[in-house]
């Protein structure tokens, strides 16, 4: 993985982490889910994110199988915290390949 791509992932993880922490502070974990179920438009966005997350996990599962990485911790993080699972998978995965 290129240094620029890794740096971009770190920035996304940090900024999204800060934003998510703020949202959790303001509305709580259940408040996020309640907002996703508030109306048909919000439900459509939630359904889209669940479908995209499931497809992404399928790709990560395939990659984990071929590279010999553990997959289930990232599934758990993805189910509980969304994009943090795939972001961590990408950030931590290349290190292992390069011996880091």
Foldseek 3Di string as FASTA:
>chain_A
DDPVVLVVLVVCCVVVVVVVVVVCVVQNPVRVVCQCVVDPVSVVVVVVLVVVQVVVLVVLVVVCVVVVHDRVVLVVCCVRPNPVSVSCCVNPVVCVVVVD
